[in-house]
Amino acid sequence: MTGINTIAFTPRKIQTLNASVTTANTDLTGASGSVIQFKNTNAAFTTGTDGSLLINWTVNYTVTSTAGQIMLFIKDGTTFWLVDAMAVTAISVAAGTIGFQKTNTLNLYVPFNYTLYVSTYKSEVAHVTANVLDY
């Protein structure tokens, strides 16, 4: 019986990435329309030398939202891949009422030299963060 080959990865650091989306894009391929790349401290994010673990992502509205969705993509340098979509519910922001907030946990391995992008179905301001663990 032969064993399974495994590769040990040493985690390097957890990063919190940021993106803000405002322009509507109904394209689910990421190939057209507005898609925004995640940044870490104002630099475009690329996965670590041994890839990265996309732990979770959070959408936060500070303004009124209408029913729609936010899409999360990875890009291999050429092609966008839709990896998750988050349904957004309608919430009217007023005194004492916070806007839409939701976190999706993925624990998705993303290979080396990939990038993360986000887009929104509606023309509303959404702030999006993603937590990744570089290897």
Foldseek 3Di string as FASTA:
>chain_A
DDDDDDDDDDWDDKFKWKDKEFDADPDPFPPDDDKTFTDGPPHGDFAAPAFKFFFKKKKFAQAWDDWWKKWKWKAQPHGTDTDDIGTAHTDHDDVPGGHDMDMDTDRDTGGGGMTMIMYINHRGIMMMMIMMTHD
